[in-house]
């Protein structure tokens, strides 16, 4: 039995020293807008996120696939 494709095939994981927050998105641009917003919060000192990972649903393998790993630096404000 194959898994159904999720309605939001992009996943964003925000990794902090204490937790992992996950959000799902409908498109790559929507996902990267969220990445940019998080990087802005980091630059402003409002977030303690240490790593951001972007995942995409792989329909052929029926699993989440790592699309990109981002290590934000303080003062960085944009993705890509």
Protein backbone atom coordinates (compact mmCIF):
# COMPACT_ATOMS: atom_id res chain seq x y z
CA UNK A 1 0.00 0.00 0.00
CA UNK A 2 1.47 3.35 -1.01
CA UNK A 3 1.32 6.44 1.15
CA UNK A 4 -0.80 9.35 -0.03
CA UNK A 5 1.02 12.52 -1.04
CA UNK A 6 0.56 15.15 1.67
CA UNK A 7 -1.36 18.30 0.72
CA UNK A 8 1.62 20.29 1.99
CA UNK A 9 4.64 18.51 0.48
CA UNK A 10 7.25 20.90 1.89
CA UNK A 11 8.39 20.71 5.51
CA UNK A 12 10.42 23.26 7.44
CA UNK A 13 12.17 22.25 10.66
CA UNK A 14 13.53 24.93 12.98
CA UNK A 15 16.06 23.42 15.34
CA UNK A 16 16.93 25.11 18.63
CA UNK A 17 19.09 23.86 21.50
CA UNK A 18 15.95 22.66 23.31
CA UNK A 19 13.36 21.79 20.67
CA UNK A 20 12.40 21.22 17.04
CA UNK A 21 9.49 23.14 15.52
CA UNK A 22 7.98 21.76 12.31
CA UNK A 23 5.70 23.50 9.82
CA UNK A 24 4.37 22.19 6.51
CA UNK A 25 3.92 24.29 3.38
CA UNK A 26 2.17 23.94 0.01
CA UNK A 27 5.03 25.21 -2.19
CA UNK A 28 8.76 25.83 -2.32
CA UNK A 29 8.33 29.64 -2.49
CA UNK A 30 6.02 29.57 0.55
CA UNK A 31 8.60 27.50 2.42
CA UNK A 32 11.44 29.87 1.61
CA UNK A 33 9.37 32.89 2.63
CA UNK A 34 9.13 31.19 6.06
CA UNK A 35 12.91 30.58 6.00
CA UNK A 36 13.54 34.25 5.23
CA UNK A 37 11.19 35.35 8.02
CA UNK A 38 12.96 33.04 10.51
CA UNK A 39 16.37 34.31 9.44
CA UNK A 40 15.13 37.85 9.99
CA UNK A 41 14.01 36.90 13.53
CA UNK A 42 17.45 35.37 14.13
CA UNK A 43 19.20 38.53 12.88
CA UNK A 44 17.05 40.63 15.21
CA UNK A 45 17.87 38.38 18.17
CA UNK A 46 14.27 37.17 18.53
CA UNK A 47 14.97 33.49 17.80
CA UNK A 48 17.43 30.93 19.15
CA UNK A 49 17.20 28.71 16.04
CA UNK A 50 20.59 27.16 15.33
CA UNK A 51 19.74 25.16 12.22
CA UNK A 52 17.00 25.13 9.60
CA UNK A 53 16.23 22.14 7.43
CA UNK A 54 13.92 22.05 4.42
CA UNK A 55 12.39 18.72 3.41
CA UNK A 56 10.34 17.72 0.38
CA UNK A 57 7.98 14.76 0.14
CA UNK A 58 9.46 12.08 -2.14
CA UNK A 59 6.43 10.36 -3.66
CA UNK A 60 8.46 7.56 -5.24
CA UNK A 61 9.99 6.58 -1.88
CA UNK A 62 6.99 7.60 0.26
CA UNK A 63 9.12 9.58 2.69
CA UNK A 64 10.44 13.03 3.48
CA UNK A 65 13.72 13.85 1.72
CA UNK A 66 16.20 16.46 2.95
CA UNK A 67 16.15 19.27 0.40
CA UNK A 68 18.46 21.78 2.09
CA UNK A 69 20.24 22.32 5.41
CA UNK A 70 20.78 25.94 6.45
CA UNK A 71 23.02 27.03 9.30
CA UNK A 72 21.95 30.61 9.98
CA UNK A 73 24.43 33.11 11.30
CA UNK A 74 23.57 36.07 13.44
CA UNK A 75 23.15 39.04 11.14
CA UNK A 76 22.02 36.95 8.13
CA UNK A 77 18.70 38.13 6.79
CA UNK A 78 17.94 36.24 3.60
CA UNK A 79 17.81 32.70 2.31
CA UNK A 80 19.37 31.55 -0.93
